[in-house]
């Protein structure tokens, strides 16, 4: 298997990067996903992230991906904020009160250690980098649509409140998508109920969650209800919510 280009990329990195990453082929790492509010992304170009945390490396241009839905939410770290404090999102025609899950085709990915990415073990985040002319951009495909049908704050005496959600997922991929741990969701609609995913912060632990398929009719009802409730000017959902 030819990996000279990715080896060359690694050889050109500073010492602190060389010692903190390893690369894997897709046959080993499996499918990789990225979640976004924007359902019209035609290509991903590796770049230094603008939303990087204080302890996160900002020297390596990349596309952040994860092999599971849970990992994507943990790495995203803003799903509650998107819905609870939508701000300008409501005026954004690309905002549909939920998220799209993209699968990105690739050959090699980079796995940073926690020195470069403090929460890597929580999310199992990987990076897609530019190591050849063919990897200057990555062309994705949408494989799932996701939204919260409920967001709840559960007060706790003497402690911070617990945030609980009902996450609705429509899986479009025929082969299914890894939710987290060893649980793959097949094609169709699902309800995942439990703690806010990014608060749980363990991509491989699904014990706190209730996971069940739902009918197409139930899915359509939930999606229409959530979209309609978000519109304050009309009883019917605006065009932006037709996905």
Protein backbone atom coordinates (compact mmCIF):
# COMPACT_ATOMS: atom_id res chain seq x y z
CA UNK A 1 0.00 0.00 0.00
CA UNK A 2 1.57 3.27 -1.13
CA UNK A 3 1.93 5.71 1.75
CA UNK A 4 5.02 7.66 0.69
CA UNK A 5 3.08 10.93 0.39
CA UNK A 6 1.71 10.79 3.92
CA UNK A 7 5.17 9.81 5.20
CA UNK A 8 6.61 12.83 3.41
CA UNK A 9 3.99 15.06 5.03
CA UNK A 10 4.95 13.71 8.45
CA UNK A 11 8.67 14.17 7.79
CA UNK A 12 8.12 17.88 7.14
CA UNK A 13 6.35 18.52 10.43
CA UNK A 14 8.09 20.01 13.49
CA UNK A 15 9.25 17.61 16.17
CA UNK A 16 6.31 18.27 18.49
CA UNK A 17 3.90 17.22 15.72
CA UNK A 18 5.90 14.20 14.54
CA UNK A 19 5.94 12.72 18.02
CA UNK A 20 2.26 13.37 18.68
CA UNK A 21 0.46 11.92 15.64
CA UNK A 22 0.15 8.69 13.77
CA UNK A 23 -1.55 7.99 10.46
CA UNK A 24 -4.01 5.27 9.53
CA UNK A 25 -5.48 3.95 6.29
CA UNK A 26 -9.26 3.95 5.87
CA UNK A 27 -9.22 0.13 5.99
CA UNK A 28 -7.98 0.42 9.58
CA UNK A 29 -9.71 3.57 10.81
CA UNK A 30 -13.06 3.15 9.03
CA UNK A 31 -15.51 5.83 7.82
CA UNK A 32 -15.05 9.37 9.14
CA UNK A 33 -17.77 11.97 9.67
CA UNK A 34 -18.18 15.71 10.26
CA UNK A 35 -21.34 17.44 11.54
CA UNK A 36 -22.48 20.89 10.46
CA UNK A 37 -25.50 23.20 10.51
CA UNK A 38 -24.83 23.81 6.82
CA UNK A 39 -26.35 21.28 4.44
CA UNK A 40 -24.82 22.79 1.32
CA UNK A 41 -21.11 22.04 1.78
CA UNK A 42 -19.68 20.75 -1.50
CA UNK A 43 -16.08 20.41 -0.32
CA UNK A 44 -13.99 20.56 2.84
CA UNK A 45 -10.57 22.23 2.68
CA UNK A 46 -8.09 21.61 5.53
CA UNK A 47 -7.52 24.80 7.55
CA UNK A 48 -6.58 25.90 11.06
CA UNK A 49 -9.84 25.86 13.08
CA UNK A 50 -11.26 29.15 14.31
CA UNK A 51 -13.13 27.53 17.20
CA UNK A 52 -10.12 25.70 18.66
CA UNK A 53 -9.98 25.32 22.43
CA UNK A 54 -7.15 26.84 24.46
CA UNK A 55 -5.36 23.49 24.78
CA UNK A 56 -5.86 22.49 21.13
CA UNK A 57 -3.15 22.65 18.49
CA UNK A 58 -3.64 25.46 15.97
CA UNK A 59 -0.64 24.88 13.71
CA UNK A 60 -1.89 21.95 11.61
CA UNK A 61 -4.46 22.75 8.88
CA UNK A 62 -7.04 19.97 8.93
CA UNK A 63 -10.63 18.87 8.65
CA UNK A 64 -11.78 17.54 12.01
CA UNK A 65 -13.64 14.23 11.74
CA UNK A 66 -14.68 11.36 13.98
CA UNK A 67 -15.72 7.75 13.32
CA UNK A 68 -19.00 8.05 15.27
CA UNK A 69 -21.98 10.34 15.78
CA UNK A 70 -21.16 10.58 19.49
CA UNK A 71 -17.58 11.60 18.68
CA UNK A 72 -18.80 14.31 16.31
CA UNK A 73 -21.04 15.85 18.99
CA UNK A 74 -18.27 15.76 21.60
CA UNK A 75 -15.85 17.45 19.21
CA UNK A 76 -18.49 19.94 18.05
CA UNK A 77 -19.27 21.07 21.62
CA UNK A 78 -21.99 23.55 20.62
CA UNK A 79 -25.18 21.62 19.90
CA UNK A 80 -27.02 22.92 22.97
CA UNK A 81 -25.94 26.48 22.25
CA UNK A 82 -27.08 26.21 18.60
CA UNK A 83 -30.62 25.50 19.75
CA UNK A 84 -30.89 27.27 23.12
CA UNK A 85 -29.26 30.51 21.92
CA UNK A 86 -29.69 30.44 18.13
CA UNK A 87 -29.20 34.18 17.66
CA UNK A 88 -28.45 34.93 14.01
CA UNK A 89 -28.98 31.25 13.12
CA UNK A 90 -32.73 31.88 12.93
CA UNK A 91 -32.13 34.39 10.12
CA UNK A 92 -29.74 32.04 8.34
CA UNK A 93 -31.48 30.17 5.53
CA UNK A 94 -29.02 27.30 5.97
CA UNK A 95 -30.13 26.79 9.58
CA UNK A 96 -32.82 24.11 9.83
CA UNK A 97 -32.89 23.56 13.59
CA UNK A 98 -30.58 20.58 13.29
CA UNK A 99 -27.38 19.23 11.84
CA UNK A 100 -26.20 17.35 8.79
CA UNK A 101 -23.72 14.53 9.13
CA UNK A 102 -21.22 14.32 6.29
CA UNK A 103 -19.08 11.34 5.40
CA UNK A 104 -15.74 12.35 3.91
CA UNK A 105 -13.97 9.99 1.51
CA UNK A 106 -10.26 9.68 2.28
CA UNK A 107 -7.32 7.31 2.10
CA UNK A 108 -5.21 8.33 5.10
CA UNK A 109 -6.17 10.17 8.26
CA UNK A 110 -4.11 11.55 11.14
CA UNK A 111 -4.74 10.67 14.78
CA UNK A 112 -3.38 13.31 17.22
CA UNK A 113 -2.61 12.47 20.82
CA UNK A 114 -3.93 14.45 23.78
CA UNK A 115 -0.91 16.78 23.73
CA UNK A 116 -2.28 18.21 20.48
CA UNK A 117 -5.96 17.65 21.21
CA UNK A 118 -6.85 17.48 24.89
CA UNK A 119 -10.18 15.68 24.39
CA UNK A 120 -9.08 13.24 21.67
CA UNK A 121 -9.70 10.22 23.88
CA UNK A 122 -13.22 11.47 24.58
CA UNK A 123 -14.20 12.10 20.97
CA UNK A 124 -11.76 9.86 19.06
CA UNK A 125 -11.29 12.82 16.71
CA UNK A 126 -9.04 12.38 13.68
CA UNK A 127 -7.73 14.89 11.18
CA UNK A 128 -7.78 14.91 7.39
CA UNK A 129 -4.79 16.88 6.14
CA UNK A 130 -3.36 18.01 2.82
CA UNK A 131 -0.48 15.67 2.04
CA UNK A 132 -0.86 15.44 -1.76
CA UNK A 133 -2.51 17.31 -4.66
CA UNK A 134 -5.51 14.97 -4.37
CA UNK A 135 -6.06 15.93 -0.71
CA UNK A 136 -6.23 19.70 -1.11
CA UNK A 137 -9.96 19.24 -0.68
CA UNK A 138 -12.34 16.48 0.38
CA UNK A 139 -15.71 16.00 -1.34
CA UNK A 140 -18.34 14.85 1.19
CA UNK A 141 -21.74 13.20 1.04
CA UNK A 142 -24.60 13.71 3.53
CA UNK A 143 -25.32 10.45 5.37
CA UNK A 144 -27.62 11.60 8.21
CA UNK A 145 -29.83 14.42 9.49
CA UNK A 146 -30.11 15.09 13.22
CA UNK A 147 -32.12 17.34 15.54
CA UNK A 148 -33.25 17.56 19.16
CA UNK A 149 -36.96 16.96 19.67
CA UNK A 150 -36.54 17.91 23.34
CA UNK A 151 -34.01 19.79 25.49
CA UNK A 152 -34.43 19.57 29.26
CA UNK A 153 -32.56 21.00 32.25
CA UNK A 154 -32.75 18.77 35.34
CA UNK A 155 -31.87 20.68 38.56
CA UNK A 156 -29.70 18.88 41.13
CA UNK A 157 -29.38 19.99 44.76
CA UNK A 158 -25.84 21.11 45.51
CA UNK A 159 -24.63 20.48 41.98
CA UNK A 160 -24.80 21.80 38.46
CA UNK A 161 -27.96 20.81 36.56
CA UNK A 162 -28.01 17.88 34.18
CA UNK A 163 -28.84 18.58 30.55
CA UNK A 164 -30.90 15.84 28.89
CA UNK A 165 -32.05 15.53 25.31
CA UNK A 166 -33.99 13.47 22.85
CA UNK A 167 -31.85 13.32 19.73
CA UNK A 168 -33.62 12.29 16.53
CA UNK A 169 -31.39 10.83 13.81
CA UNK A 170 -32.38 9.98 10.25
CA UNK A 171 -29.72 7.64 8.86
CA UNK A 172 -29.48 7.83 5.07
CA UNK A 173 -26.53 5.48 4.56
CA UNK A 174 -27.37 1.95 3.47
CA UNK A 175 -24.54 0.49 5.55
CA UNK A 176 -25.52 2.39 8.69
CA UNK A 177 -23.50 4.74 10.90
CA UNK A 178 -21.64 4.11 14.14
CA UNK A 179 -23.44 5.90 16.97
CA UNK A 180 -20.76 5.21 19.57
CA UNK A 181 -19.12 2.25 21.25
CA UNK A 182 -19.98 -0.75 19.10
CA UNK A 183 -23.56 0.34 18.27
CA UNK A 184 -24.33 1.00 14.62
CA UNK A 185 -27.62 2.62 13.61
CA UNK A 186 -29.13 1.13 10.46
CA UNK A 187 -30.83 3.10 7.73
CA UNK A 188 -34.01 4.79 8.98
CA UNK A 189 -35.07 7.01 11.90
CA UNK A 190 -33.86 6.67 15.50
CA UNK A 191 -34.42 8.26 18.89
CA UNK A 192 -31.43 8.56 21.26
CA UNK A 193 -32.47 9.73 24.72
CA UNK A 194 -30.12 10.65 27.56
CA UNK A 195 -27.52 13.19 28.69
CA UNK A 196 -26.38 15.92 26.32
CA UNK A 197 -23.87 14.09 24.15
CA UNK A 198 -21.02 16.57 24.49
CA UNK A 199 -21.47 16.67 28.27
CA UNK A 200 -21.21 12.88 28.51
CA UNK A 201 -17.82 13.10 26.75
CA UNK A 202 -17.27 9.37 26.26
CA UNK A 203 -17.70 8.32 22.64
CA UNK A 204 -17.44 4.61 23.48
CA UNK A 205 -19.90 4.51 26.41
CA UNK A 206 -23.61 4.33 25.59
CA UNK A 207 -24.83 3.03 28.96
CA UNK A 208 -26.66 6.27 29.91
CA UNK A 209 -28.67 6.26 26.68
CA UNK A 210 -31.94 4.76 25.49
CA UNK A 211 -31.69 3.95 21.77
CA UNK A 212 -34.68 2.88 19.69
CA UNK A 213 -35.92 3.02 16.09
CA UNK A 214 -38.95 5.18 15.33
CA UNK A 215 -41.37 5.03 12.43
CA UNK A 216 -41.15 7.29 9.41
CA UNK A 217 -44.48 8.85 10.43
CA UNK A 218 -43.24 9.58 13.96
CA UNK A 219 -40.04 11.06 12.55
CA UNK A 220 -41.96 13.34 10.16
CA UNK A 221 -44.26 14.47 12.98
CA UNK A 222 -41.35 15.35 15.28
CA UNK A 223 -39.43 17.18 12.57
CA UNK A 224 -42.47 19.18 11.49
CA UNK A 225 -43.37 20.05 15.07
CA UNK A 226 -39.90 21.28 16.00
CA UNK A 227 -39.55 23.30 12.80
CA UNK A 228 -43.00 24.86 13.16
CA UNK A 229 -42.38 25.84 16.75
CA UNK A 230 -39.22 27.68 15.75
CA UNK A 231 -41.14 29.93 13.36
CA UNK A 232 -42.68 32.85 15.23
CA UNK A 233 -44.17 34.55 12.18
CA UNK A 234 -46.05 31.71 10.53
CA UNK A 235 -47.85 28.51 11.47
CA UNK A 236 -46.07 26.67 8.68
CA UNK A 237 -42.30 26.06 8.57
CA UNK A 238 -40.29 28.50 6.43
CA UNK A 239 -38.52 27.23 3.32
CA UNK A 240 -35.28 26.95 5.31
CA UNK A 241 -36.71 24.02 7.27
CA UNK A 242 -37.57 21.87 4.23
CA UNK A 243 -34.85 19.27 4.29
